[in-house]
N, C-alpha and C. Protein backbone atom coordinates (compact mmCIF):
# COMPACT_ATOMS: atom_id res chain seq x y z
N MET A 1 -12.88 -5.37 -20.73
CA MET A 1 -12.09 -6.00 -19.64
C MET A 1 -10.60 -6.01 -20.01
N THR A 2 -9.75 -5.56 -19.18
CA THR A 2 -8.32 -5.58 -19.45
C THR A 2 -7.68 -6.85 -18.87
N HIS A 3 -6.72 -7.34 -19.63
CA HIS A 3 -6.00 -8.55 -19.22
C HIS A 3 -4.80 -8.11 -18.43
N LYS A 4 -4.67 -8.61 -17.24
CA LYS A 4 -3.47 -8.34 -16.44
C LYS A 4 -2.33 -9.15 -16.85
N GLN A 5 -1.16 -8.54 -17.17
CA GLN A 5 0.01 -9.24 -17.47
C GLN A 5 0.53 -9.99 -16.27
N GLU A 6 0.90 -11.22 -16.47
CA GLU A 6 1.43 -11.99 -15.36
C GLU A 6 2.83 -11.46 -14.99
N LYS A 7 3.05 -11.43 -13.65
CA LYS A 7 4.30 -10.91 -13.10
C LYS A 7 5.38 -11.99 -13.32
N THR A 8 6.56 -11.47 -13.57
CA THR A 8 7.73 -12.35 -13.71
C THR A 8 8.59 -12.27 -12.44
N ARG A 9 9.00 -13.44 -11.94
CA ARG A 9 9.91 -13.46 -10.77
C ARG A 9 11.24 -13.97 -11.29
N VAL A 10 12.27 -13.10 -11.03
CA VAL A 10 13.61 -13.45 -11.50
C VAL A 10 14.61 -13.27 -10.36
N THR A 11 15.44 -14.26 -10.11
CA THR A 11 16.46 -14.10 -9.07
C THR A 11 17.75 -13.74 -9.76
N VAL A 12 18.41 -12.62 -9.35
CA VAL A 12 19.62 -12.10 -9.90
C VAL A 12 20.65 -12.02 -8.77
N GLU A 13 21.85 -11.88 -9.22
CA GLU A 13 22.95 -11.66 -8.23
C GLU A 13 23.61 -10.36 -8.50
N ILE A 14 23.76 -9.54 -7.44
CA ILE A 14 24.41 -8.24 -7.50
C ILE A 14 25.42 -8.23 -6.30
N ARG A 15 26.70 -8.02 -6.60
CA ARG A 15 27.69 -7.94 -5.58
C ARG A 15 27.62 -9.17 -4.63
N ASN A 16 27.48 -10.34 -5.26
CA ASN A 16 27.49 -11.65 -4.58
C ASN A 16 26.27 -11.85 -3.59
N ARG A 17 25.19 -11.09 -3.85
CA ARG A 17 24.01 -11.25 -3.06
C ARG A 17 22.85 -11.54 -4.05
N SER A 18 21.91 -12.43 -3.69
CA SER A 18 20.81 -12.76 -4.48
C SER A 18 19.62 -11.82 -4.19
N TYR A 19 18.94 -11.41 -5.23
CA TYR A 19 17.75 -10.60 -5.09
C TYR A 19 16.69 -11.15 -6.00
N THR A 20 15.46 -11.29 -5.49
CA THR A 20 14.36 -11.68 -6.34
C THR A 20 13.62 -10.43 -6.79
N ILE A 21 13.53 -10.31 -8.12
CA ILE A 21 12.84 -9.12 -8.71
C ILE A 21 11.51 -9.58 -9.27
N VAL A 22 10.49 -8.85 -8.94
CA VAL A 22 9.09 -9.21 -9.43
C VAL A 22 8.66 -8.00 -10.26
N GLY A 23 8.27 -8.30 -11.51
CA GLY A 23 7.82 -7.18 -12.38
C GLY A 23 7.21 -7.69 -13.67
N ASN A 24 6.97 -6.77 -14.52
CA ASN A 24 6.31 -7.08 -15.83
C ASN A 24 7.35 -7.30 -16.92
N GLU A 25 8.61 -7.09 -16.73
CA GLU A 25 9.61 -7.21 -17.73
C GLU A 25 10.02 -8.66 -17.98
N ASP A 26 10.53 -8.99 -19.17
CA ASP A 26 11.05 -10.31 -19.44
C ASP A 26 12.22 -10.61 -18.55
N ALA A 27 12.41 -11.87 -18.27
CA ALA A 27 13.52 -12.30 -17.40
C ALA A 27 14.85 -11.87 -17.95
N SER A 28 15.00 -11.98 -19.31
CA SER A 28 16.26 -11.55 -19.88
C SER A 28 16.59 -10.09 -19.69
N HIS A 29 15.54 -9.22 -19.72
CA HIS A 29 15.69 -7.80 -19.49
C HIS A 29 16.07 -7.52 -18.07
N VAL A 30 15.42 -8.21 -17.11
CA VAL A 30 15.78 -8.03 -15.68
C VAL A 30 17.18 -8.45 -15.42
N LYS A 31 17.61 -9.58 -15.99
CA LYS A 31 19.01 -10.04 -15.81
C LYS A 31 19.98 -9.06 -16.38
N LEU A 32 19.65 -8.49 -17.56
CA LEU A 32 20.53 -7.50 -18.15
C LEU A 32 20.67 -6.24 -17.25
N VAL A 33 19.58 -5.75 -16.72
CA VAL A 33 19.59 -4.59 -15.84
C VAL A 33 20.41 -4.93 -14.60
N ALA A 34 20.24 -6.06 -14.02
CA ALA A 34 20.96 -6.51 -12.83
C ALA A 34 22.44 -6.56 -13.12
N SER A 35 22.76 -7.09 -14.26
CA SER A 35 24.16 -7.22 -14.66
C SER A 35 24.81 -5.85 -14.81
N LEU A 36 24.07 -4.91 -15.36
CA LEU A 36 24.57 -3.56 -15.54
C LEU A 36 24.81 -2.88 -14.17
N VAL A 37 23.85 -3.09 -13.30
CA VAL A 37 23.97 -2.50 -11.92
C VAL A 37 25.22 -3.09 -11.24
N ASP A 38 25.33 -4.43 -11.34
CA ASP A 38 26.50 -5.08 -10.74
C ASP A 38 27.84 -4.55 -11.30
N GLN A 39 27.86 -4.39 -12.63
CA GLN A 39 29.06 -3.85 -13.29
C GLN A 39 29.37 -2.43 -12.78
N LYS A 40 28.34 -1.57 -12.73
CA LYS A 40 28.57 -0.19 -12.29
C LYS A 40 28.99 -0.19 -10.84
N MET A 41 28.47 -1.03 -9.95
CA MET A 41 28.86 -1.10 -8.56
C MET A 41 30.30 -1.53 -8.46
N ARG A 42 30.71 -2.45 -9.27
CA ARG A 42 32.10 -2.98 -9.25
C ARG A 42 33.07 -1.88 -9.71
N GLU A 43 32.66 -1.13 -10.76
CA GLU A 43 33.50 -0.01 -11.20
C GLU A 43 33.71 1.05 -10.10
N ILE A 44 32.62 1.45 -9.46
CA ILE A 44 32.69 2.43 -8.42
C ILE A 44 33.48 1.88 -7.24
N HIS A 45 33.33 0.61 -6.90
CA HIS A 45 34.05 -0.01 -5.79
C HIS A 45 35.57 -0.01 -6.10
N GLU A 46 35.95 -0.26 -7.31
CA GLU A 46 37.37 -0.27 -7.68
C GLU A 46 38.01 1.12 -7.45
N MET A 47 37.20 2.18 -7.68
CA MET A 47 37.74 3.54 -7.45
C MET A 47 37.66 3.95 -5.99
N ASN A 48 36.79 3.33 -5.23
CA ASN A 48 36.55 3.68 -3.83
C ASN A 48 36.39 2.39 -3.00
N PRO A 49 37.50 1.66 -2.82
CA PRO A 49 37.42 0.34 -2.16
C PRO A 49 36.98 0.39 -0.69
N SER A 50 37.03 1.55 -0.02
CA SER A 50 36.66 1.58 1.39
C SER A 50 35.15 1.81 1.61
N LEU A 51 34.41 1.99 0.55
CA LEU A 51 32.95 2.23 0.67
C LEU A 51 32.22 1.01 1.18
N ASP A 52 31.28 1.26 2.14
CA ASP A 52 30.41 0.18 2.59
C ASP A 52 29.33 -0.03 1.54
N THR A 53 28.57 -1.08 1.67
CA THR A 53 27.60 -1.43 0.64
C THR A 53 26.53 -0.36 0.45
N ALA A 54 26.06 0.23 1.52
CA ALA A 54 25.04 1.25 1.43
C ALA A 54 25.58 2.51 0.69
N SER A 55 26.72 2.93 1.02
CA SER A 55 27.29 4.06 0.34
C SER A 55 27.60 3.76 -1.14
N LEU A 56 28.01 2.54 -1.38
CA LEU A 56 28.27 2.10 -2.77
C LEU A 56 26.95 2.09 -3.61
N ALA A 57 25.90 1.60 -2.94
CA ALA A 57 24.59 1.64 -3.61
C ALA A 57 24.09 2.98 -3.95
N VAL A 58 24.29 3.94 -3.01
CA VAL A 58 23.85 5.29 -3.18
C VAL A 58 24.65 5.95 -4.30
N LEU A 59 25.93 5.79 -4.34
CA LEU A 59 26.81 6.36 -5.39
C LEU A 59 26.43 5.75 -6.72
N THR A 60 26.08 4.48 -6.73
CA THR A 60 25.71 3.79 -8.00
C THR A 60 24.34 4.44 -8.48
N ALA A 61 23.46 4.58 -7.56
CA ALA A 61 22.15 5.23 -7.94
C ALA A 61 22.35 6.65 -8.49
N ILE A 62 23.22 7.44 -7.82
CA ILE A 62 23.45 8.80 -8.26
C ILE A 62 24.12 8.83 -9.64
N ASN A 63 25.14 7.97 -9.82
CA ASN A 63 25.81 7.89 -11.13
C ASN A 63 24.80 7.48 -12.23
N THR A 64 24.00 6.51 -11.91
CA THR A 64 23.01 5.96 -12.94
C THR A 64 21.93 7.01 -13.21
N MET A 65 21.45 7.75 -12.25
CA MET A 65 20.44 8.78 -12.47
C MET A 65 21.07 9.94 -13.28
N ASN A 66 22.32 10.25 -12.95
CA ASN A 66 23.01 11.32 -13.70
C ASN A 66 23.07 10.93 -15.23
N ASP A 67 23.47 9.66 -15.48
CA ASP A 67 23.54 9.19 -16.87
C ASP A 67 22.18 9.23 -17.51
N HIS A 68 21.17 8.83 -16.76
CA HIS A 68 19.82 8.89 -17.27
C HIS A 68 19.34 10.27 -17.65
N LEU A 69 19.63 11.22 -16.79
CA LEU A 69 19.23 12.63 -17.08
C LEU A 69 19.93 13.20 -18.26
N ILE A 70 21.21 12.88 -18.39
CA ILE A 70 21.97 13.39 -19.55
C ILE A 70 21.39 12.78 -20.87
N LEU A 71 21.11 11.49 -20.84
CA LEU A 71 20.47 10.84 -22.01
C LEU A 71 19.12 11.45 -22.31
N LYS A 72 18.34 11.75 -21.29
CA LYS A 72 16.98 12.35 -21.50
C LYS A 72 17.13 13.71 -22.16
N GLU A 73 18.08 14.51 -21.67
CA GLU A 73 18.32 15.83 -22.28
C GLU A 73 18.76 15.70 -23.71
N GLU A 74 19.69 14.80 -23.97
CA GLU A 74 20.16 14.59 -25.35
C GLU A 74 19.01 14.12 -26.28
N TYR A 75 18.16 13.29 -25.75
CA TYR A 75 17.01 12.73 -26.48
C TYR A 75 16.03 13.91 -26.80
N ALA A 76 15.74 14.76 -25.77
CA ALA A 76 14.85 15.90 -26.03
C ALA A 76 15.43 16.85 -27.06
N THR A 77 16.72 17.11 -27.03
CA THR A 77 17.38 17.95 -27.98
C THR A 77 17.26 17.38 -29.39
N LEU A 78 17.52 16.07 -29.44
CA LEU A 78 17.41 15.35 -30.72
C LEU A 78 16.00 15.44 -31.31
N LEU A 79 15.00 15.19 -30.50
CA LEU A 79 13.58 15.33 -30.96
C LEU A 79 13.32 16.74 -31.43
N GLY A 80 13.78 17.74 -30.70
CA GLY A 80 13.55 19.10 -31.12
C GLY A 80 14.20 19.39 -32.42
N SER A 81 15.34 18.86 -32.69
CA SER A 81 16.05 19.00 -33.99
C SER A 81 15.25 18.36 -35.10
N ILE A 82 14.73 17.19 -34.84
CA ILE A 82 13.96 16.45 -35.85
C ILE A 82 12.68 17.25 -36.19
N LYS A 83 12.00 17.75 -35.15
CA LYS A 83 10.77 18.45 -35.37
C LYS A 83 11.02 19.79 -36.17
N ARG A 84 12.12 20.44 -35.90
CA ARG A 84 12.46 21.66 -36.65
C ARG A 84 12.81 21.34 -38.12
N GLU A 85 13.47 20.21 -38.38
CA GLU A 85 13.77 19.86 -39.70
C GLU A 85 12.56 19.51 -40.55
N ARG A 86 11.57 18.89 -39.88
CA ARG A 86 10.37 18.50 -40.58
C ARG A 86 9.38 19.69 -40.77
N GLY A 87 9.66 20.71 -40.05
CA GLY A 87 8.98 21.93 -40.18
C GLY A 87 7.55 22.03 -39.67
């Protein structure tokens, strides 16, 4: 029998709006993620002050996914290097 992990409910603020996030992560992790999203949205908004919230959210998602894919590629390259060194 598997034990179901209890869901965590955390209320965070992003761009002066409250969001309740439900998931399996610790509250501190969820708050960190929300803080980083808020920071990224503020950075993009500073460069593009005329963007509406929906456009700002989409640009934030695109920038974040781009960063994620770059890190994934770098990670895969690093793993490949380690495997070749170990022979």
